[in-house]
Amino acid sequence: MSTKHLLDAKGLKCPLPTLMVDGKMRKNEVKPGDVLEVVADCPTFENDIKSWCTRNKKVLVFIRDEGGIKRCQIQF
């Protein structure tokens, strides 16, 4: 059974939001099949997280702009 996690990275400048996602993966805080939802307001977050997902072979379920806040879901 998958679990949904939330990471609020608003107010942090890139690359910190992406590094926090990476840290959760490396610390095994998210397991295979889990979904991590991330909210961030850094202007480069979208490109950073897309590249991170590609490098780490994770599925970017969606990313959308909610009035300057980027919200995405990553499946591990």
PDB file of N, CA and C in Angstrom:
ATOM      1  N   MET A   1       0.848  -1.176   0.000  1.00  0.00           N
ATOM      2  CA  MET A   1       0.000   0.000   0.000  1.00  0.00           C
ATOM      3  C   MET A   1       0.892   1.237   0.000  1.00  0.00           C
ATOM      4  N   SER A   2       0.587   2.176  -0.872  1.00  0.00           N
ATOM      5  CA  SER A   2       1.394   3.390  -0.958  1.00  0.00           C
ATOM      6  C   SER A   2       0.914   4.421   0.063  1.00  0.00           C
ATOM      7  N   THR A   3       1.823   5.275   0.428  1.00  0.00           N
ATOM      8  CA  THR A   3       1.560   6.349   1.376  1.00  0.00           C
ATOM      9  C   THR A   3       1.809   7.674   0.672  1.00  0.00           C
ATOM     10  N   LYS A   4       1.019   8.680   1.004  1.00  0.00           N
ATOM     11  CA  LYS A   4       1.220  10.011   0.441  1.00  0.00           C
ATOM     12  C   LYS A   4       1.884  10.880   1.504  1.00  0.00           C
ATOM     13  N   HIS A   5       2.972  11.518   1.129  1.00  0.00           N
ATOM     14  CA  HIS A   5       3.723  12.408   2.007  1.00  0.00           C
ATOM     15  C   HIS A   5       3.621  13.824   1.458  1.00  0.00           C
ATOM     16  N   LEU A   6       3.784  14.823   2.326  1.00  0.00           N
ATOM     17  CA  LEU A   6       3.756  16.217   1.903  1.00  0.00           C
ATOM     18  C   LEU A   6       5.035  16.903   2.349  1.00  0.00           C
ATOM     19  N   LEU A   7       5.641  17.635   1.434  1.00  0.00           N
ATOM     20  CA  LEU A   7       6.825  18.428   1.732  1.00  0.00           C
ATOM     21  C   LEU A   7       6.518  19.876   1.353  1.00  0.00           C
ATOM     22  N   ASP A   8       6.477  20.742   2.352  1.00  0.00           N
ATOM     23  CA  ASP A   8       6.232  22.168   2.127  1.00  0.00           C
ATOM     24  C   ASP A   8       7.585  22.869   2.083  1.00  0.00           C
ATOM     25  N   ALA A   9       8.000  23.273   0.889  1.00  0.00           N
ATOM     26  CA  ALA A   9       9.298  23.924   0.707  1.00  0.00           C
ATOM     27  C   ALA A   9       9.139  25.389   0.304  1.00  0.00           C
ATOM     28  N   LYS A  10       7.977  25.954   0.590  1.00  0.00           N
ATOM     29  CA  LYS A  10       7.750  27.365   0.261  1.00  0.00           C
ATOM     30  C   LYS A  10       8.724  28.230   1.056  1.00  0.00           C
ATOM     31  N   GLY A  11       9.231  29.262   0.393  1.00  0.00           N
ATOM     32  CA  GLY A  11      10.155  30.188   1.041  1.00  0.00           C
ATOM     33  C   GLY A  11      11.616  29.789   0.905  1.00  0.00           C
ATOM     34  N   LEU A  12      11.874  28.596   0.409  1.00  0.00           N
ATOM     35  CA  LEU A  12      13.253  28.136   0.227  1.00  0.00           C
ATOM     36  C   LEU A  12      13.693  28.390  -1.205  1.00  0.00           C
ATOM     37  N   LYS A  13      14.917  28.804  -1.367  1.00  0.00           N
ATOM     38  CA  LYS A  13      15.470  29.051  -2.699  1.00  0.00           C
ATOM     39  C   LYS A  13      16.104  27.776  -3.244  1.00  0.00           C
ATOM     40  N   CYS A  14      15.967  27.589  -4.535  1.00  0.00           N
ATOM     41  CA  CYS A  14      16.569  26.432  -5.193  1.00  0.00           C
ATOM     42  C   CYS A  14      18.084  26.510  -5.050  1.00  0.00           C
ATOM     43  N   PRO A  15      18.703  25.390  -4.855  1.00  0.00           N
ATOM     44  CA  PRO A  15      18.225  24.017  -5.034  1.00  0.00           C
ATOM     45  C   PRO A  15      17.677  23.371  -3.764  1.00  0.00           C
ATOM     46  N   LEU A  16      17.446  24.116  -2.691  1.00  0.00           N
ATOM     47  CA  LEU A  16      17.025  23.499  -1.426  1.00  0.00           C
ATOM     48  C   LEU A  16      15.774  22.623  -1.523  1.00  0.00           C
ATOM     49  N   PRO A  17      14.690  23.051  -2.203  1.00  0.00           N
ATOM     50  CA  PRO A  17      13.528  22.152  -2.269  1.00  0.00           C
ATOM     51  C   PRO A  17      13.869  20.798  -2.896  1.00  0.00           C
ATOM     52  N   THR A  18      14.639  20.802  -3.963  1.00  0.00           N
ATOM     53  CA  THR A  18      15.019  19.548  -4.619  1.00  0.00           C
ATOM     54  C   THR A  18      15.961  18.734  -3.733  1.00  0.00           C
ATOM     55  N   LEU A  19      16.856  19.406  -3.032  1.00  0.00           N
ATOM     56  CA  LEU A  19      17.750  18.696  -2.110  1.00  0.00           C
ATOM     57  C   LEU A  19      16.966  18.056  -0.966  1.00  0.00           C
ATOM     58  N   MET A  20      15.888  18.689  -0.546  1.00  0.00           N
ATOM     59  CA  MET A  20      15.050  18.100   0.504  1.00  0.00           C
ATOM     60  C   MET A  20      14.355  16.838  -0.004  1.00  0.00           C
ATOM     61  N   VAL A  21      13.894  16.859  -1.251  1.00  0.00           N
ATOM     62  CA  VAL A  21      13.296  15.665  -1.856  1.00  0.00           C
ATOM     63  C   VAL A  21      14.346  14.552  -1.903  1.00  0.00           C
ATOM     64  N   ASP A  22      15.538  14.894  -2.348  1.00  0.00           N
ATOM     65  CA  ASP A  22      16.620  13.918  -2.437  1.00  0.00           C
ATOM     66  C   ASP A  22      16.948  13.341  -1.057  1.00  0.00           C
ATOM     67  N   GLY A  23      16.963  14.187  -0.042  1.00  0.00           N
ATOM     68  CA  GLY A  23      17.239  13.725   1.316  1.00  0.00           C
ATOM     69  C   GLY A  23      16.196  12.742   1.810  1.00  0.00           C
ATOM     70  N   LYS A  24      14.926  12.997   1.510  1.00  0.00           N
ATOM     71  CA  LYS A  24      13.867  12.067   1.911  1.00  0.00           C
ATOM     72  C   LYS A  24      14.062  10.708   1.254  1.00  0.00           C
ATOM     73  N   MET A  25      14.509  10.714   0.000  1.00  0.00           N
ATOM     74  CA  MET A  25      14.755   9.452  -0.696  1.00  0.00           C
ATOM     75  C   MET A  25      15.941   8.729  -0.060  1.00  0.00           C
ATOM     76  N   ARG A  26      17.021   9.439   0.162  1.00  0.00           N
ATOM     77  CA  ARG A  26      18.240   8.822   0.693  1.00  0.00           C
ATOM     78  C   ARG A  26      18.078   8.315   2.126  1.00  0.00           C
ATOM     79  N   LYS A  27      17.208   8.950   2.885  1.00  0.00           N
ATOM     80  CA  LYS A  27      16.951   8.516   4.269  1.00  0.00           C
ATOM     81  C   LYS A  27      15.854   7.449   4.335  1.00  0.00           C
ATOM     82  N   ASN A  28      15.385   7.021   3.157  1.00  0.00           N
ATOM     83  CA  ASN A  28      14.315   6.022   3.061  1.00  0.00           C
ATOM     84  C   ASN A  28      13.028   6.462   3.761  1.00  0.00           C
ATOM     85  N   GLU A  29      12.762   7.763   3.755  1.00  0.00           N
ATOM     86  CA  GLU A  29      11.517   8.270   4.324  1.00  0.00           C
ATOM     87  C   GLU A  29      10.344   8.044   3.380  1.00  0.00           C
ATOM     88  N   VAL A  30      10.636   7.842   2.106  1.00  0.00           N
ATOM     89  CA  VAL A  30       9.624   7.470   1.123  1.00  0.00           C
ATOM     90  C   VAL A  30      10.019   6.120   0.542  1.00  0.00           C
ATOM     91  N   LYS A  31       9.064   5.242   0.466  1.00  0.00           N
ATOM     92  CA  LYS A  31       9.304   3.872   0.010  1.00  0.00           C
ATOM     93  C   LYS A  31       8.837   3.719  -1.439  1.00  0.00           C
ATOM     94  N   PRO A  32       9.300   2.686  -2.126  1.00  0.00           N
ATOM     95  CA  PRO A  32       8.809   2.436  -3.485  1.00  0.00           C
ATOM     96  C   PRO A  32       7.278   2.360  -3.508  1.00  0.00           C
ATOM     97  N   GLY A  33       6.696   3.096  -4.429  1.00  0.00           N
ATOM     98  CA  GLY A  33       5.240   3.158  -4.548  1.00  0.00           C
ATOM     99  C   GLY A  33       4.630   4.356  -3.847  1.00  0.00           C
ATOM    100  N   ASP A  34       5.338   4.941  -2.873  1.00  0.00           N
ATOM    101  CA  ASP A  34       4.832   6.118  -2.168  1.00  0.00           C
ATOM    102  C   ASP A  34       4.786   7.314  -3.104  1.00  0.00           C
ATOM    103  N   VAL A  35       3.929   8.274  -2.757  1.00  0.00           N
ATOM    104  CA  VAL A  35       3.816   9.530  -3.500  1.00  0.00           C
ATOM    105  C   VAL A  35       4.223  10.663  -2.565  1.00  0.00           C
ATOM    106  N   LEU A  36       5.116  11.500  -3.043  1.00  0.00           N
ATOM    107  CA  LEU A  36       5.539  12.690  -2.316  1.00  0.00           C
ATOM    108  C   LEU A  36       4.976  13.898  -3.040  1.00  0.00           C
ATOM    109  N   GLU A  37       4.161  14.683  -2.325  1.00  0.00           N
ATOM    110  CA  GLU A  37       3.651  15.933  -2.884  1.00  0.00           C
ATOM    111  C   GLU A  37       4.517  17.062  -2.351  1.00  0.00           C
ATOM    112  N   VAL A  38       4.991  17.897  -3.249  1.00  0.00           N
ATOM    113  CA  VAL A  38       5.883  18.993  -2.884  1.00  0.00           C
ATOM    114  C   VAL A  38       5.256  20.309  -3.336  1.00  0.00           C
ATOM    115  N   VAL A  39       5.299  21.300  -2.445  1.00  0.00           N
ATOM    116  CA  VAL A  39       4.897  22.654  -2.814  1.00  0.00           C
ATOM    117  C   VAL A  39       6.106  23.559  -2.599  1.00  0.00           C
ATOM    118  N   ALA A  40       6.397  24.363  -3.596  1.00  0.00           N
ATOM    119  CA  ALA A  40       7.559  25.256  -3.547  1.00  0.00           C
ATOM    120  C   ALA A  40       7.246  26.511  -4.346  1.00  0.00           C
ATOM    121  N   ASP A  41       7.927  27.601  -3.991  1.00  0.00           N
ATOM    122  CA  ASP A  41       7.692  28.848  -4.713  1.00  0.00           C
ATOM    123  C   ASP A  41       8.964  29.391  -5.364  1.00  0.00           C
ATOM    124  N   CYS A  42       9.995  28.587  -5.420  1.00  0.00           N
ATOM    125  CA  CYS A  42      11.232  28.979  -6.086  1.00  0.00           C
ATOM    126  C   CYS A  42      11.003  28.976  -7.602  1.00  0.00           C
ATOM    127  N   PRO A  43      11.431  30.004  -8.312  1.00  0.00           N
ATOM    128  CA  PRO A  43      11.139  30.085  -9.745  1.00  0.00           C
ATOM    129  C   PRO A  43      11.773  28.985 -10.593  1.00  0.00           C
ATOM    130  N   THR A  44      12.854  28.364 -10.137  1.00  0.00           N
ATOM    131  CA  THR A  44      13.497  27.318 -10.944  1.00  0.00           C
ATOM    132  C   THR A  44      13.113  25.907 -10.488  1.00  0.00           C
ATOM    133  N   PHE A  45      12.200  25.798  -9.526  1.00  0.00           N
ATOM    134  CA  PHE A  45      11.848  24.487  -8.984  1.00  0.00           C
ATOM    135  C   PHE A  45      11.345  23.520 -10.055  1.00  0.00           C
ATOM    136  N   GLU A  46      10.501  23.995 -10.958  1.00  0.00           N
ATOM    137  CA  GLU A  46       9.922  23.105 -11.967  1.00  0.00           C
ATOM    138  C   GLU A  46      11.009  22.410 -12.782  1.00  0.00           C
ATOM    139  N   ASN A  47      11.962  23.168 -13.304  1.00  0.00           N
ATOM    140  CA  ASN A  47      13.040  22.565 -14.089  1.00  0.00           C
ATOM    141  C   ASN A  47      13.920  21.660 -13.228  1.00  0.00           C
ATOM    142  N   ASP A  48      14.209  22.107 -12.004  1.00  0.00           N
ATOM    143  CA  ASP A  48      15.063  21.317 -11.109  1.00  0.00           C
ATOM    144  C   ASP A  48      14.442  19.969 -10.784  1.00  0.00           C
ATOM    145  N   ILE A  49      13.158  19.950 -10.446  1.00  0.00           N
ATOM    146  CA  ILE A  49      12.534  18.695 -10.033  1.00  0.00           C
ATOM    147  C   ILE A  49      12.326  17.764 -11.228  1.00  0.00           C
ATOM    148  N   LYS A  50      12.071  18.325 -12.407  1.00  0.00           N
ATOM    149  CA  LYS A  50      11.970  17.483 -13.613  1.00  0.00           C
ATOM    150  C   LYS A  50      13.306  16.788 -13.874  1.00  0.00           C
ATOM    151  N   SER A  51      14.395  17.519 -13.781  1.00  0.00           N
ATOM    152  CA  SER A  51      15.726  16.929 -13.991  1.00  0.00           C
ATOM    153  C   SER A  51      16.033  15.890 -12.919  1.00  0.00           C
ATOM    154  N   TRP A  52      15.678  16.186 -11.674  1.00  0.00           N
ATOM    155  CA  TRP A  52      15.925  15.246 -10.581  1.00  0.00           C
ATOM    156  C   TRP A  52      15.170  13.938 -10.811  1.00  0.00           C
ATOM    157  N   CYS A  53      13.910  14.040 -11.200  1.00  0.00           N
ATOM    158  CA  CYS A  53      13.102  12.838 -11.451  1.00  0.00           C
ATOM    159  C   CYS A  53      13.709  12.005 -12.576  1.00  0.00           C
ATOM    160  N   THR A  54      14.157  12.649 -13.623  1.00  0.00           N
ATOM    161  CA  THR A  54      14.781  11.921 -14.738  1.00  0.00           C
ATOM    162  C   THR A  54      16.047  11.215 -14.271  1.00  0.00           C
ATOM    163  N   ARG A  55      16.919  11.922 -13.544  1.00  0.00           N
ATOM    164  CA  ARG A  55      18.176  11.331 -13.063  1.00  0.00           C
ATOM    165  C   ARG A  55      17.951  10.170 -12.104  1.00  0.00           C
ATOM    166  N   ASN A  56      16.911  10.270 -11.304  1.00  0.00           N
ATOM    167  CA  ASN A  56      16.668   9.262 -10.271  1.00  0.00           C
ATOM    168  C   ASN A  56      15.599   8.247 -10.649  1.00  0.00           C
ATOM    169  N   LYS A  57      15.134   8.316 -11.883  1.00  0.00           N
ATOM    170  CA  LYS A  57      14.139   7.371 -12.407  1.00  0.00           C
ATOM    171  C   LYS A  57      12.885   7.312 -11.533  1.00  0.00           C
ATOM    172  N   LYS A  58      12.386   8.494 -11.183  1.00  0.00           N
ATOM    173  CA  LYS A  58      11.139   8.623 -10.435  1.00  0.00           C
ATOM    174  C   LYS A  58      10.090   9.228 -11.359  1.00  0.00           C
ATOM    175  N   VAL A  59       8.833   8.918 -11.099  1.00  0.00           N
ATOM    176  CA  VAL A  59       7.742   9.375 -11.953  1.00  0.00           C
ATOM    177  C   VAL A  59       7.211  10.713 -11.442  1.00  0.00           C
ATOM    178  N   LEU A  60       7.290  11.731 -12.276  1.00  0.00           N
ATOM    179  CA  LEU A  60       6.676  13.016 -11.970  1.00  0.00           C
ATOM    180  C   LEU A  60       5.223  12.913 -12.422  1.00  0.00           C
ATOM    181  N   VAL A  61       4.331  12.695 -11.466  1.00  0.00           N
ATOM    182  CA  VAL A  61       2.918  12.476 -11.779  1.00  0.00           C
ATOM    183  C   VAL A  61       2.316  13.737 -12.390  1.00  0.00           C
ATOM    184  N   PHE A  62       2.569  14.883 -11.757  1.00  0.00           N
ATOM    185  CA  PHE A  62       2.148  16.166 -12.317  1.00  0.00           C
ATOM    186  C   PHE A  62       2.956  17.270 -11.672  1.00  0.00           C
ATOM    187  N   ILE A  63       2.991  18.389 -12.350  1.00  0.00           N
ATOM    188  CA  ILE A  63       3.481  19.637 -11.764  1.00  0.00           C
ATOM    189  C   ILE A  63       2.602  20.737 -12.323  1.00  0.00           C
ATOM    190  N   ARG A  64       2.146  21.612 -11.440  1.00  0.00           N
ATOM    191  CA  ARG A  64       1.280  22.707 -11.899  1.00  0.00           C
ATOM    192  C   ARG A  64       1.583  23.972 -11.107  1.00  0.00           C
ATOM    193  N   ASP A  65       1.275  25.081 -11.738  1.00  0.00           N
ATOM    194  CA  ASP A  65       1.469  26.397 -11.135  1.00  0.00           C
ATOM    195  C   ASP A  65       0.143  26.825 -10.531  1.00  0.00           C
ATOM    196  N   GLU A  66       0.184  27.125  -9.250  1.00  0.00           N
ATOM    197  CA  GLU A  66      -1.016  27.583  -8.544  1.00  0.00           C
ATOM    198  C   GLU A  66      -0.789  29.017  -8.077  1.00  0.00           C
ATOM    199  N   GLY A  67      -0.666  29.917  -9.025  1.00  0.00           N
ATOM    200  CA  GLY A  67      -0.482  31.320  -8.697  1.00  0.00           C
ATOM    201  C   GLY A  67       0.870  31.628  -8.079  1.00  0.00           C
ATOM    202  N   GLY A  68       1.920  31.110  -8.680  1.00  0.00           N
ATOM    203  CA  GLY A  68       3.275  31.342  -8.184  1.00  0.00           C
ATOM    204  C   GLY A  68       3.800  30.230  -7.295  1.00  0.00           C
ATOM    205  N   ILE A  69       2.917  29.381  -6.834  1.00  0.00           N
ATOM    206  CA  ILE A  69       3.306  28.204  -6.056  1.00  0.00           C
ATOM    207  C   ILE A  69       3.276  27.009  -7.003  1.00  0.00           C
ATOM    208  N   LYS A  70       4.373  26.268  -7.035  1.00  0.00           N
ATOM    209  CA  LYS A  70       4.409  25.047  -7.841  1.00  0.00           C
ATOM    210  C   LYS A  70       4.038  23.881  -6.936  1.00  0.00           C
ATOM    211  N   ARG A  71       3.144  23.035  -7.409  1.00  0.00           N
ATOM    212  CA  ARG A  71       2.753  21.822  -6.694  1.00  0.00           C
ATOM    213  C   ARG A  71       3.038  20.640  -7.602  1.00  0.00           C
ATOM    214  N   CYS A  72       3.710  19.646  -7.067  1.00  0.00           N
ATOM    215  CA  CYS A  72       3.978  18.464  -7.870  1.00  0.00           C
ATOM    216  C   CYS A  72       3.804  17.211  -7.022  1.00  0.00           C
ATOM    217  N   GLN A  73       3.622  16.103  -7.709  1.00  0.00           N
ATOM    218  CA  GLN A  73       3.601  14.804  -7.048  1.00  0.00           C
ATOM    219  C   GLN A  73       4.627  13.919  -7.743  1.00  0.00           C
ATOM    220  N   ILE A  74       5.412  13.224  -6.925  1.00  0.00           N
ATOM    221  CA  ILE A  74       6.445  12.330  -7.408  1.00  0.00           C
ATOM    222  C   ILE A  74       6.141  10.941  -6.859  1.00  0.00           C
ATOM    223  N   GLN A  75       6.110   9.967  -7.750  1.00  0.00           N
ATOM    224  CA  GLN A  75       5.916   8.588  -7.285  1.00  0.00           C
ATOM    225  C   GLN A  75       7.263   7.905  -7.226  1.00  0.00           C
ATOM    226  N   PHE A  76       7.535   7.313  -6.090  1.00  0.00           N
ATOM    227  CA  PHE A  76       8.807   6.631  -5.850  1.00  0.00           C
ATOM    228  C   PHE A  76       8.703   5.159  -6.157  1.00  0.00           C
TER     229      PHE A  76
END
